[in-house]
Each structure stands twice: as structure tokens, then as C-alpha cells.
């Protein structure tokens, strides 16, 4: 595998990991981590106004 292919694969895995973490956090009624949001190219304050009611 070339370095470019490895970088793309790693980026894909980071994105999928971020999506999984964000989904789990929202289901649990909490804000996702800044790292997970960054992996999805979302601003860190994207969930600041969300009201998680339980």
C-alpha cells in the first residue's frame, strides 16, 4: 500500500470512529467529544445548543 492510500484509509477509519462515538453520545444523552466532532469536520460547538432531555 502506498502512503497516500494508507492516509486515506486512516482518514476513513477516523471518520467512522467519530461517527460511532457521536451516535453513542447522542443516544446516551450527552455531548460528543471534541475529537469525535473534529473527525467529522464539525465545529466543536455544534452540540452546545442541543437540549438532551431524559
PDB file of N, CA and C in Angstrom:
ATOM      1  N   UNK A   1       0.846  -1.189   0.000  1.00  0.00           N
ATOM      2  CA  UNK A   1       0.000   0.000   0.000  1.00  0.00           C
ATOM      3  C   UNK A   1       0.882   1.241   0.000  1.00  0.00           C
ATOM      4  N   UNK A   2       0.504   2.205  -0.767  1.00  0.00           N
ATOM      5  CA  UNK A   2       1.268   3.441  -0.803  1.00  0.00           C
ATOM      6  C   UNK A   2       0.905   4.302   0.407  1.00  0.00           C
ATOM      7  N   UNK A   3       1.716   5.286   0.674  1.00  0.00           N
ATOM      8  CA  UNK A   3       1.470   6.181   1.809  1.00  0.00           C
ATOM      9  C   UNK A   3       0.163   6.943   1.614  1.00  0.00           C
ATOM     10  N   UNK A   4      -0.132   7.322   0.391  1.00  0.00           N
ATOM     11  CA  UNK A   4      -1.375   8.054   0.121  1.00  0.00           C
ATOM     12  C   UNK A   4      -2.599   7.180   0.422  1.00  0.00           C
ATOM     13  N   UNK A   5      -2.545   5.936   0.018  1.00  0.00           N
ATOM     14  CA  UNK A   5      -3.643   5.002   0.290  1.00  0.00           C
ATOM     15  C   UNK A   5      -3.794   4.782   1.785  1.00  0.00           C
ATOM     16  N   UNK A   6      -2.691   4.666   2.486  1.00  0.00           N
ATOM     17  CA  UNK A   6      -2.739   4.487   3.935  1.00  0.00           C
ATOM     18  C   UNK A   6      -3.356   5.700   4.614  1.00  0.00           C
ATOM     19  N   UNK A   7      -3.009   6.896   4.150  1.00  0.00           N
ATOM     20  CA  UNK A   7      -3.576   8.111   4.730  1.00  0.00           C
ATOM     21  C   UNK A   7      -5.081   8.178   4.490  1.00  0.00           C
ATOM     22  N   UNK A   8      -5.513   7.825   3.311  1.00  0.00           N
ATOM     23  CA  UNK A   8      -6.946   7.842   3.011  1.00  0.00           C
ATOM     24  C   UNK A   8      -7.692   6.814   3.861  1.00  0.00           C
ATOM     25  N   UNK A   9      -7.104   5.643   4.002  1.00  0.00           N
ATOM     26  CA  UNK A   9      -7.726   4.602   4.801  1.00  0.00           C
ATOM     27  C   UNK A   9      -7.814   5.030   6.262  1.00  0.00           C
ATOM     28  N   UNK A  10      -6.745   5.630   6.766  1.00  0.00           N
ATOM     29  CA  UNK A  10      -6.734   6.112   8.154  1.00  0.00           C
ATOM     30  C   UNK A  10      -7.775   7.218   8.350  1.00  0.00           C
ATOM     31  N   UNK A  11      -7.897   8.118   7.390  1.00  0.00           N
ATOM     32  CA  UNK A  11      -8.903   9.176   7.466  1.00  0.00           C
ATOM     33  C   UNK A  11     -10.311   8.592   7.490  1.00  0.00           C
ATOM     34  N   UNK A  12     -10.530   7.579   6.688  1.00  0.00           N
ATOM     35  CA  UNK A  12     -11.831   6.919   6.664  1.00  0.00           C
ATOM     36  C   UNK A  12     -12.135   6.273   8.014  1.00  0.00           C
ATOM     37  N   UNK A  13     -11.155   5.598   8.585  1.00  0.00           N
ATOM     38  CA  UNK A  13     -11.356   4.963   9.893  1.00  0.00           C
ATOM     39  C   UNK A  13     -11.604   6.002  10.980  1.00  0.00           C
ATOM     40  N   UNK A  14     -10.887   7.115  10.937  1.00  0.00           N
ATOM     41  CA  UNK A  14     -11.110   8.195  11.905  1.00  0.00           C
ATOM     42  C   UNK A  14     -12.524   8.756  11.789  1.00  0.00           C
ATOM     43  N   UNK A  15     -12.993   8.929  10.547  1.00  0.00           N
ATOM     44  CA  UNK A  15     -14.333   9.456  10.333  1.00  0.00           C
ATOM     45  C   UNK A  15     -15.382   8.485  10.866  1.00  0.00           C
ATOM     46  N   UNK A  16     -15.227   7.209  10.587  1.00  0.00           N
ATOM     47  CA  UNK A  16     -16.186   6.214  11.059  1.00  0.00           C
ATOM     48  C   UNK A  16     -16.168   6.114  12.583  1.00  0.00           C
ATOM     49  N   UNK A  17     -15.007   6.208  13.172  1.00  0.00           N
ATOM     50  CA  UNK A  17     -14.899   6.184  14.628  1.00  0.00           C
ATOM     51  C   UNK A  17     -15.586   7.394  15.242  1.00  0.00           C
ATOM     52  N   UNK A  18     -15.407   8.558  14.634  1.00  0.00           N
ATOM     53  CA  UNK A  18     -16.057   9.770  15.112  1.00  0.00           C
ATOM     54  C   UNK A  18     -17.566   9.678  15.008  1.00  0.00           C
ATOM     55  N   UNK A  19     -18.052   9.122  13.904  1.00  0.00           N
ATOM     56  CA  UNK A  19     -19.498   8.971  13.719  1.00  0.00           C
ATOM     57  C   UNK A  19     -20.071   8.013  14.753  1.00  0.00           C
ATOM     58  N   UNK A  20     -19.358   6.938  15.008  1.00  0.00           N
ATOM     59  CA  UNK A  20     -19.822   5.966  16.002  1.00  0.00           C
ATOM     60  C   UNK A  20     -19.869   6.581  17.393  1.00  0.00           C
ATOM     61  N   UNK A  21     -18.820   7.321  17.756  1.00  0.00           N
ATOM     62  CA  UNK A  21     -18.786   7.956  19.067  1.00  0.00           C
ATOM     63  C   UNK A  21     -19.875   9.015  19.205  1.00  0.00           C
ATOM     64  N   UNK A  22     -20.093   9.811  18.158  1.00  0.00           N
ATOM     65  CA  UNK A  22     -21.148  10.834  18.213  1.00  0.00           C
ATOM     66  C   UNK A  22     -22.521  10.188  18.361  1.00  0.00           C
ATOM     67  N   UNK A  23     -22.767   9.126  17.627  1.00  0.00           N
ATOM     68  CA  UNK A  23     -24.057   8.448  17.721  1.00  0.00           C
ATOM     69  C   UNK A  23     -24.277   7.880  19.115  1.00  0.00           C
ATOM     70  N   UNK A  24     -23.250   7.279  19.687  1.00  0.00           N
ATOM     71  CA  UNK A  24     -23.371   6.713  21.029  1.00  0.00           C
ATOM     72  C   UNK A  24     -23.594   7.803  22.066  1.00  0.00           C
ATOM     73  N   UNK A  25     -22.911   8.922  21.910  1.00  0.00           N
ATOM     74  CA  UNK A  25     -23.068  10.025  22.861  1.00  0.00           C
ATOM     75  C   UNK A  25     -24.474  10.595  22.807  1.00  0.00           C
ATOM     76  N   UNK A  26     -24.989  10.787  21.611  1.00  0.00           N
ATOM     77  CA  UNK A  26     -26.337  11.343  21.465  1.00  0.00           C
ATOM     78  C   UNK A  26     -27.369  10.374  22.034  1.00  0.00           C
ATOM     79  N   UNK A  27     -27.202   9.084  21.781  1.00  0.00           N
ATOM     80  CA  UNK A  27     -28.118   8.095  22.336  1.00  0.00           C
ATOM     81  C   UNK A  27     -28.077   8.088  23.861  1.00  0.00           C
ATOM     82  N   UNK A  28     -26.902   8.351  24.433  1.00  0.00           N
ATOM     83  CA  UNK A  28     -26.755   8.375  25.885  1.00  0.00           C
ATOM     84  C   UNK A  28     -27.178   9.711  26.481  1.00  0.00           C
ATOM     85  N   UNK A  29     -27.513  10.675  25.621  1.00  0.00           N
ATOM     86  CA  UNK A  29     -27.960  11.974  26.106  1.00  0.00           C
ATOM     87  C   UNK A  29     -26.847  12.901  26.539  1.00  0.00           C
ATOM     88  N   UNK A  30     -25.697  12.762  25.912  1.00  0.00           N
ATOM     89  CA  UNK A  30     -24.581  13.646  26.247  1.00  0.00           C
ATOM     90  C   UNK A  30     -23.941  14.200  24.981  1.00  0.00           C
ATOM     91  N   UNK A  31     -23.071  15.166  25.178  1.00  0.00           N
ATOM     92  CA  UNK A  31     -22.387  15.827  24.060  1.00  0.00           C
ATOM     93  C   UNK A  31     -21.193  14.974  23.614  1.00  0.00           C
ATOM     94  N   UNK A  32     -20.995  14.806  22.312  1.00  0.00           N
ATOM     95  CA  UNK A  32     -19.831  14.073  21.815  1.00  0.00           C
ATOM     96  C   UNK A  32     -18.528  14.817  22.143  1.00  0.00           C
ATOM     97  N   UNK A  33     -17.444  14.091  22.163  1.00  0.00           N
ATOM     98  CA  UNK A  33     -16.151  14.702  22.447  1.00  0.00           C
ATOM     99  C   UNK A  33     -15.725  15.605  21.293  1.00  0.00           C
ATOM    100  N   UNK A  34     -14.857  16.542  21.605  1.00  0.00           N
ATOM    101  CA  UNK A  34     -14.343  17.456  20.581  1.00  0.00           C
ATOM    102  C   UNK A  34     -13.567  16.685  19.517  1.00  0.00           C
ATOM    103  N   UNK A  35     -12.873  15.642  19.906  1.00  0.00           N
ATOM    104  CA  UNK A  35     -12.105  14.829  18.957  1.00  0.00           C
ATOM    105  C   UNK A  35     -13.030  14.148  17.954  1.00  0.00           C
ATOM    106  N   UNK A  36     -14.144  13.591  18.446  1.00  0.00           N
ATOM    107  CA  UNK A  36     -15.087  12.923  17.554  1.00  0.00           C
ATOM    108  C   UNK A  36     -15.702  13.914  16.570  1.00  0.00           C
ATOM    109  N   UNK A  37     -16.034  15.094  17.058  1.00  0.00           N
ATOM    110  CA  UNK A  37     -16.592  16.124  16.183  1.00  0.00           C
ATOM    111  C   UNK A  37     -15.559  16.583  15.157  1.00  0.00           C
ATOM    112  N   UNK A  38     -14.315  16.713  15.578  1.00  0.00           N
ATOM    113  CA  UNK A  38     -13.245  17.124  14.672  1.00  0.00           C
ATOM    114  C   UNK A  38     -13.046  16.074  13.570  1.00  0.00           C
ATOM    115  N   UNK A  39     -13.156  14.786  13.934  1.00  0.00           N
ATOM    116  CA  UNK A  39     -13.017  13.717  12.936  1.00  0.00           C
ATOM    117  C   UNK A  39     -14.115  13.781  11.880  1.00  0.00           C
ATOM    118  N   UNK A  40     -15.249  14.362  12.232  1.00  0.00           N
ATOM    119  CA  UNK A  40     -16.348  14.520  11.280  1.00  0.00           C
ATOM    120  C   UNK A  40     -16.367  15.901  10.635  1.00  0.00           C
ATOM    121  N   UNK A  41     -15.352  16.684  10.892  1.00  0.00           N
ATOM    122  CA  UNK A  41     -15.249  18.052  10.370  1.00  0.00           C
ATOM    123  C   UNK A  41     -16.414  18.925  10.816  1.00  0.00           C
ATOM    124  N   UNK A  42     -16.858  18.733  12.044  1.00  0.00           N
ATOM    125  CA  UNK A  42     -17.904  19.562  12.630  1.00  0.00           C
ATOM    126  C   UNK A  42     -17.251  20.501  13.643  1.00  0.00           C
ATOM    127  N   UNK A  43     -17.794  21.711  13.789  1.00  0.00           N
ATOM    128  CA  UNK A  43     -17.228  22.623  14.792  1.00  0.00           C
ATOM    129  C   UNK A  43     -17.443  22.057  16.205  1.00  0.00           C
ATOM    130  N   UNK A  44     -16.531  22.342  17.092  1.00  0.00           N
ATOM    131  CA  UNK A  44     -16.592  21.806  18.458  1.00  0.00           C
ATOM    132  C   UNK A  44     -17.845  22.263  19.190  1.00  0.00           C
ATOM    133  N   UNK A  45     -18.417  23.382  18.794  1.00  0.00           N
ATOM    134  CA  UNK A  45     -19.609  23.885  19.478  1.00  0.00           C
ATOM    135  C   UNK A  45     -20.907  23.461  18.777  1.00  0.00           C
ATOM    136  N   UNK A  46     -20.840  22.474  17.915  1.00  0.00           N
ATOM    137  CA  UNK A  46     -22.016  22.053  17.140  1.00  0.00           C
ATOM    138  C   UNK A  46     -23.146  21.538  18.022  1.00  0.00           C
ATOM    139  N   UNK A  47     -22.836  20.999  19.170  1.00  0.00           N
ATOM    140  CA  UNK A  47     -23.856  20.431  20.046  1.00  0.00           C
ATOM    141  C   UNK A  47     -24.106  21.290  21.279  1.00  0.00           C
ATOM    142  N   UNK A  48     -23.579  22.499  21.323  1.00  0.00           N
ATOM    143  CA  UNK A  48     -23.740  23.339  22.510  1.00  0.00           C
ATOM    144  C   UNK A  48     -25.188  23.719  22.773  1.00  0.00           C
ATOM    145  N   UNK A  49     -25.978  23.919  21.746  1.00  0.00           N
ATOM    146  CA  UNK A  49     -27.360  24.358  21.928  1.00  0.00           C
ATOM    147  C   UNK A  49     -28.371  23.211  21.966  1.00  0.00           C
ATOM    148  N   UNK A  50     -27.886  21.991  21.844  1.00  0.00           N
ATOM    149  CA  UNK A  50     -28.784  20.836  21.849  1.00  0.00           C
ATOM    150  C   UNK A  50     -29.185  20.525  23.284  1.00  0.00           C
ATOM    151  N   UNK A  51     -30.483  20.378  23.501  1.00  0.00           N
ATOM    152  CA  UNK A  51     -31.000  20.022  24.822  1.00  0.00           C
ATOM    153  C   UNK A  51     -31.282  18.526  24.836  1.00  0.00           C
ATOM    154  N   UNK A  52     -30.518  17.808  25.622  1.00  0.00           N
ATOM    155  CA  UNK A  52     -30.703  16.370  25.735  1.00  0.00           C
ATOM    156  C   UNK A  52     -31.650  16.103  26.904  1.00  0.00           C
ATOM    157  N   UNK A  53     -32.874  15.775  26.602  1.00  0.00           N
ATOM    158  CA  UNK A  53     -33.860  15.539  27.639  1.00  0.00           C
ATOM    159  C   UNK A  53     -34.017  14.076  27.941  1.00  0.00           C
ATOM    160  N   UNK A  54     -33.979  13.762  29.182  1.00  0.00           N
ATOM    161  CA  UNK A  54     -34.182  12.379  29.641  1.00  0.00           C
ATOM    162  C   UNK A  54     -35.069  12.415  30.827  1.00  0.00           C
TER     163      UNK A  54
END
